[in-house]
């Protein structure tokens, strides 16, 4: 009976191992960068969001809160949001990478993951910019966008990428 489930168990085991390894690696990274406030990857994203918002006509400055490991976005002369480690979408990226590598298909796996990472990175930048714009101009919708709309967009992007991976790459018959 277990013989029938061997492929599924193999995929599940690969997913769990990859997920745990990436999670521990990320936690190690966070632990080594704790003293300087917000971690450098999250800071990079905050800086890029600020730069893009300035280009889009939403004058933005960043203010460090080293003690609380966060950066505040000051948009149009008001504090609208704050960037914390969880805003960098690394947890979503770890899920995405783990799932795709669980269905490993050689070199195309690396290409798909690379393209997916770029897309998720851009989606996350747009998500934060969108949230800052909503909080700046329509604060009454801020909670709805933060808690529902933007998470649905980022997680929805991951699900669409997974479906593309499964349908067009992972389960495609290699002999056809």
C-alpha atoms as a PDB file:
ATOM      1  CA  UNK A   1       0.000   0.000   0.000  1.00  0.00           C
ATOM      2  CA  UNK A   2       2.756   2.477   0.844  1.00  0.00           C
ATOM      3  CA  UNK A   3       4.287   1.710  -2.531  1.00  0.00           C
ATOM      4  CA  UNK A   4       1.398   3.562  -4.201  1.00  0.00           C
ATOM      5  CA  UNK A   5       2.100   6.665  -2.119  1.00  0.00           C
ATOM      6  CA  UNK A   6       5.883   6.630  -2.546  1.00  0.00           C
ATOM      7  CA  UNK A   7       5.988   9.441  -5.180  1.00  0.00           C
ATOM      8  CA  UNK A   8       3.689  11.646  -3.107  1.00  0.00           C
ATOM      9  CA  UNK A   9       5.661  10.971   0.059  1.00  0.00           C
ATOM     10  CA  UNK A  10       8.891  11.791  -1.787  1.00  0.00           C
ATOM     11  CA  UNK A  11       7.517  15.137  -2.931  1.00  0.00           C
ATOM     12  CA  UNK A  12       6.204  15.895   0.554  1.00  0.00           C
ATOM     13  CA  UNK A  13       9.524  14.983   2.157  1.00  0.00           C
ATOM     14  CA  UNK A  14      11.488  17.145  -0.315  1.00  0.00           C
ATOM     15  CA  UNK A  15       9.128  20.064   0.363  1.00  0.00           C
ATOM     16  CA  UNK A  16       9.507  19.749   4.140  1.00  0.00           C
ATOM     17  CA  UNK A  17      13.296  19.417   4.026  1.00  0.00           C
ATOM     18  CA  UNK A  18      13.749  22.368   1.660  1.00  0.00           C
ATOM     19  CA  UNK A  19      11.291  24.489   3.632  1.00  0.00           C
ATOM     20  CA  UNK A  20      12.956  23.767   6.987  1.00  0.00           C
ATOM     21  CA  UNK A  21      16.481  24.371   5.618  1.00  0.00           C
ATOM     22  CA  UNK A  22      15.475  27.701   4.049  1.00  0.00           C
ATOM     23  CA  UNK A  23      13.556  28.712   7.166  1.00  0.00           C
ATOM     24  CA  UNK A  24      16.542  28.020   9.429  1.00  0.00           C
ATOM     25  CA  UNK A  25      18.900  29.810   7.024  1.00  0.00           C
ATOM     26  CA  UNK A  26      16.614  32.845   7.034  1.00  0.00           C
ATOM     27  CA  UNK A  27      16.322  32.787  10.817  1.00  0.00           C
ATOM     28  CA  UNK A  28      20.132  32.623  11.086  1.00  0.00           C
ATOM     29  CA  UNK A  29      20.350  35.659   8.776  1.00  0.00           C
ATOM     30  CA  UNK A  30      17.860  37.552  10.946  1.00  0.00           C
ATOM     31  CA  UNK A  31      19.679  36.643  14.151  1.00  0.00           C
ATOM     32  CA  UNK A  32      22.996  37.918  12.778  1.00  0.00           C
ATOM     33  CA  UNK A  33      21.534  41.273  11.723  1.00  0.00           C
ATOM     34  CA  UNK A  34      19.499  42.064  14.831  1.00  0.00           C
ATOM     35  CA  UNK A  35      21.715  44.756  16.317  1.00  0.00           C
ATOM     36  CA  UNK A  36      21.360  47.232  13.454  1.00  0.00           C
ATOM     37  CA  UNK A  37      17.587  47.600  13.502  1.00  0.00           C
ATOM     38  CA  UNK A  38      15.710  46.448  10.426  1.00  0.00           C
ATOM     39  CA  UNK A  39      17.555  43.722   8.489  1.00  0.00           C
ATOM     40  CA  UNK A  40      19.396  44.774   5.325  1.00  0.00           C
ATOM     41  CA  UNK A  41      17.057  42.973   2.888  1.00  0.00           C
ATOM     42  CA  UNK A  42      13.977  44.653   4.354  1.00  0.00           C
ATOM     43  CA  UNK A  43      15.843  47.966   4.345  1.00  0.00           C
ATOM     44  CA  UNK A  44      16.690  47.502   0.651  1.00  0.00           C
ATOM     45  CA  UNK A  45      13.003  46.995  -0.095  1.00  0.00           C
ATOM     46  CA  UNK A  46      12.019  50.048   1.986  1.00  0.00           C
ATOM     47  CA  UNK A  47      14.570  52.176   0.102  1.00  0.00           C
ATOM     48  CA  UNK A  48      13.338  50.952  -3.283  1.00  0.00           C
ATOM     49  CA  UNK A  49       9.708  51.579  -2.295  1.00  0.00           C
ATOM     50  CA  UNK A  50      10.647  55.088  -1.169  1.00  0.00           C
ATOM     51  CA  UNK A  51      12.492  55.788  -4.431  1.00  0.00           C
ATOM     52  CA  UNK A  52       9.615  54.500  -6.562  1.00  0.00           C
ATOM     53  CA  UNK A  53       7.035  56.453  -4.578  1.00  0.00           C
ATOM     54  CA  UNK A  54       9.050  59.628  -5.057  1.00  0.00           C
ATOM     55  CA  UNK A  55       9.094  58.992  -8.813  1.00  0.00           C
ATOM     56  CA  UNK A  56       5.319  58.375  -8.767  1.00  0.00           C
ATOM     57  CA  UNK A  57       4.622  61.699  -7.063  1.00  0.00           C
ATOM     58  CA  UNK A  58       4.196  60.437  -3.505  1.00  0.00           C
ATOM     59  CA  UNK A  59       6.980  62.328  -1.691  1.00  0.00           C
ATOM     60  CA  UNK A  60       8.441  59.813   0.741  1.00  0.00           C
ATOM     61  CA  UNK A  61      11.112  59.785   3.401  1.00  0.00           C
ATOM     62  CA  UNK A  62      12.162  56.958   5.667  1.00  0.00           C
ATOM     63  CA  UNK A  63      12.661  57.219   9.409  1.00  0.00           C
ATOM     64  CA  UNK A  64      14.564  54.580  11.348  1.00  0.00           C
ATOM     65  CA  UNK A  65      13.289  53.077  14.534  1.00  0.00           C
ATOM     66  CA  UNK A  66      16.334  50.923  15.286  1.00  0.00           C
ATOM     67  CA  UNK A  67      15.138  49.904  18.743  1.00  0.00           C
ATOM     68  CA  UNK A  68      11.912  48.409  17.356  1.00  0.00           C
ATOM     69  CA  UNK A  69      13.561  47.028  14.189  1.00  0.00           C
ATOM     70  CA  UNK A  70      11.365  48.983  11.810  1.00  0.00           C
ATOM     71  CA  UNK A  71      11.394  51.863   9.349  1.00  0.00           C
ATOM     72  CA  UNK A  72       8.518  54.339   9.038  1.00  0.00           C
ATOM     73  CA  UNK A  73       7.306  55.633   5.688  1.00  0.00           C
ATOM     74  CA  UNK A  74       6.670  59.372   5.878  1.00  0.00           C
ATOM     75  CA  UNK A  75       4.484  60.114   2.848  1.00  0.00           C
ATOM     76  CA  UNK A  76       2.968  63.497   2.015  1.00  0.00           C
ATOM     77  CA  UNK A  77       3.941  64.888   5.412  1.00  0.00           C
ATOM     78  CA  UNK A  78       2.410  62.071   7.459  1.00  0.00           C
ATOM     79  CA  UNK A  79       3.516  58.735   8.862  1.00  0.00           C
ATOM     80  CA  UNK A  80       1.443  56.226   6.932  1.00  0.00           C
ATOM     81  CA  UNK A  81       2.992  52.782   7.427  1.00  0.00           C
ATOM     82  CA  UNK A  82       5.980  51.043   8.843  1.00  0.00           C
ATOM     83  CA  UNK A  83       8.262  48.459   7.303  1.00  0.00           C
ATOM     84  CA  UNK A  84       9.023  45.484   9.503  1.00  0.00           C
ATOM     85  CA  UNK A  85      10.799  42.231   8.681  1.00  0.00           C
ATOM     86  CA  UNK A  86       7.520  40.502   7.787  1.00  0.00           C
ATOM     87  CA  UNK A  87       6.871  42.963   4.949  1.00  0.00           C
ATOM     88  CA  UNK A  88       9.750  41.669   2.851  1.00  0.00           C
ATOM     89  CA  UNK A  89       7.785  38.605   1.603  1.00  0.00           C
ATOM     90  CA  UNK A  90      10.634  36.215   2.398  1.00  0.00           C
ATOM     91  CA  UNK A  91       8.230  33.781   4.072  1.00  0.00           C
ATOM     92  CA  UNK A  92       6.145  33.718   0.880  1.00  0.00           C
ATOM     93  CA  UNK A  93       9.279  33.281  -1.218  1.00  0.00           C
ATOM     94  CA  UNK A  94      10.428  30.357   0.959  1.00  0.00           C
ATOM     95  CA  UNK A  95       7.061  28.651   0.406  1.00  0.00           C
ATOM     96  CA  UNK A  96       7.273  29.251  -3.341  1.00  0.00           C
ATOM     97  CA  UNK A  97      10.835  27.931  -3.672  1.00  0.00           C
ATOM     98  CA  UNK A  98      10.149  24.903  -1.476  1.00  0.00           C
ATOM     99  CA  UNK A  99       7.103  23.888  -3.481  1.00  0.00           C
ATOM    100  CA  UNK A 100       8.758  24.270  -6.881  1.00  0.00           C
ATOM    101  CA  UNK A 101      11.900  22.386  -5.819  1.00  0.00           C
ATOM    102  CA  UNK A 102       9.722  19.625  -4.339  1.00  0.00           C
ATOM    103  CA  UNK A 103       8.775  18.931  -7.976  1.00  0.00           C
ATOM    104  CA  UNK A 104      12.375  19.236  -9.202  1.00  0.00           C
ATOM    105  CA  UNK A 105      12.801  18.968 -12.989  1.00  0.00           C
ATOM    106  CA  UNK A 106      16.448  19.796 -13.627  1.00  0.00           C
ATOM    107  CA  UNK A 107      17.751  23.119 -14.920  1.00  0.00           C
ATOM    108  CA  UNK A 108      14.300  24.433 -15.774  1.00  0.00           C
ATOM    109  CA  UNK A 109      13.536  24.375 -12.047  1.00  0.00           C
ATOM    110  CA  UNK A 110      16.243  26.973 -11.415  1.00  0.00           C
ATOM    111  CA  UNK A 111      15.090  29.115 -14.337  1.00  0.00           C
ATOM    112  CA  UNK A 112      11.460  29.022 -13.193  1.00  0.00           C
ATOM    113  CA  UNK A 113      12.408  29.802  -9.585  1.00  0.00           C
ATOM    114  CA  UNK A 114      14.591  32.709 -10.738  1.00  0.00           C
ATOM    115  CA  UNK A 115      11.813  34.174 -12.871  1.00  0.00           C
ATOM    116  CA  UNK A 116       9.297  33.575 -10.078  1.00  0.00           C
ATOM    117  CA  UNK A 117      11.515  35.305  -7.529  1.00  0.00           C
ATOM    118  CA  UNK A 118      11.813  38.375  -9.732  1.00  0.00           C
ATOM    119  CA  UNK A 119       8.047  38.463 -10.218  1.00  0.00           C
ATOM    120  CA  UNK A 120       7.331  38.019  -6.491  1.00  0.00           C
ATOM    121  CA  UNK A 121       9.895  40.691  -5.609  1.00  0.00           C
ATOM    122  CA  UNK A 122       8.255  43.189  -7.966  1.00  0.00           C
ATOM    123  CA  UNK A 123       4.773  42.202  -6.750  1.00  0.00           C
ATOM    124  CA  UNK A 124       5.881  42.828  -3.168  1.00  0.00           C
ATOM    125  CA  UNK A 125       7.293  46.255  -4.037  1.00  0.00           C
ATOM    126  CA  UNK A 126       4.013  47.145  -5.750  1.00  0.00           C
ATOM    127  CA  UNK A 127       2.064  45.793  -2.783  1.00  0.00           C
ATOM    128  CA  UNK A 128       3.907  48.053  -0.333  1.00  0.00           C
ATOM    129  CA  UNK A 129       3.622  51.055  -2.656  1.00  0.00           C
ATOM    130  CA  UNK A 130      -0.098  50.397  -3.046  1.00  0.00           C
ATOM    131  CA  UNK A 131      -0.567  50.127   0.696  1.00  0.00           C
ATOM    132  CA  UNK A 132       1.302  53.390   1.265  1.00  0.00           C
ATOM    133  CA  UNK A 133      -0.850  55.118  -1.349  1.00  0.00           C
ATOM    134  CA  UNK A 134      -4.049  53.778   0.199  1.00  0.00           C
ATOM    135  CA  UNK A 135      -2.939  54.776   3.704  1.00  0.00           C
ATOM    136  CA  UNK A 136      -1.888  58.211   2.464  1.00  0.00           C
ATOM    137  CA  UNK A 137      -5.015  59.087   0.492  1.00  0.00           C
ATOM    138  CA  UNK A 138      -7.754  56.739   1.758  1.00  0.00           C
ATOM    139  CA  UNK A 139      -6.824  55.709   5.287  1.00  0.00           C
ATOM    140  CA  UNK A 140     -10.355  54.389   5.928  1.00  0.00           C
ATOM    141  CA  UNK A 141      -9.616  51.478   3.546  1.00  0.00           C
ATOM    142  CA  UNK A 142      -6.160  50.785   4.974  1.00  0.00           C
ATOM    143  CA  UNK A 143      -7.075  47.858   7.212  1.00  0.00           C
ATOM    144  CA  UNK A 144      -9.028  46.103   4.445  1.00  0.00           C
ATOM    145  CA  UNK A 145      -6.183  46.509   1.957  1.00  0.00           C
ATOM    146  CA  UNK A 146      -3.494  45.498   4.472  1.00  0.00           C
ATOM    147  CA  UNK A 147      -5.318  42.467   5.852  1.00  0.00           C
ATOM    148  CA  UNK A 148      -7.181  41.161   2.799  1.00  0.00           C
ATOM    149  CA  UNK A 149      -6.570  42.709  -0.617  1.00  0.00           C
ATOM    150  CA  UNK A 150      -2.778  42.843  -0.732  1.00  0.00           C
ATOM    151  CA  UNK A 151      -2.206  39.445   0.965  1.00  0.00           C
ATOM    152  CA  UNK A 152      -4.637  37.940  -1.552  1.00  0.00           C
ATOM    153  CA  UNK A 153      -2.601  39.462  -4.369  1.00  0.00           C
ATOM    154  CA  UNK A 154       0.795  38.222  -3.135  1.00  0.00           C
ATOM    155  CA  UNK A 155      -0.427  34.760  -2.117  1.00  0.00           C
ATOM    156  CA  UNK A 156      -2.547  34.568  -5.253  1.00  0.00           C
ATOM    157  CA  UNK A 157       0.570  35.262  -7.316  1.00  0.00           C
ATOM    158  CA  UNK A 158       2.318  32.356  -5.601  1.00  0.00           C
ATOM    159  CA  UNK A 159      -0.607  30.011  -6.263  1.00  0.00           C
ATOM    160  CA  UNK A 160      -0.732  31.031  -9.941  1.00  0.00           C
ATOM    161  CA  UNK A 161       3.018  30.415 -10.257  1.00  0.00           C
ATOM    162  CA  UNK A 162       2.616  27.006  -8.581  1.00  0.00           C
ATOM    163  CA  UNK A 163      -0.195  26.079 -10.960  1.00  0.00           C
ATOM    164  CA  UNK A 164       1.901  27.140 -13.954  1.00  0.00           C
ATOM    165  CA  UNK A 165       4.825  25.094 -12.632  1.00  0.00           C
ATOM    166  CA  UNK A 166       2.702  21.993 -12.115  1.00  0.00           C
ATOM    167  CA  UNK A 167       0.685  22.200 -15.340  1.00  0.00           C
ATOM    168  CA  UNK A 168       3.396  23.196 -17.793  1.00  0.00           C
ATOM    169  CA  UNK A 169       6.598  21.829 -16.275  1.00  0.00           C
ATOM    170  CA  UNK A 170       6.366  19.388 -13.366  1.00  0.00           C
ATOM    171  CA  UNK A 171       3.654  17.052 -14.639  1.00  0.00           C
ATOM    172  CA  UNK A 172       4.367  17.413 -18.325  1.00  0.00           C
ATOM    173  CA  UNK A 173       5.286  14.110 -19.933  1.00  0.00           C
ATOM    174  CA  UNK A 174       8.930  14.390 -20.890  1.00  0.00           C
ATOM    175  CA  UNK A 175       8.580  11.810 -23.695  1.00  0.00           C
ATOM    176  CA  UNK A 176       5.997  13.808 -25.648  1.00  0.00           C
END
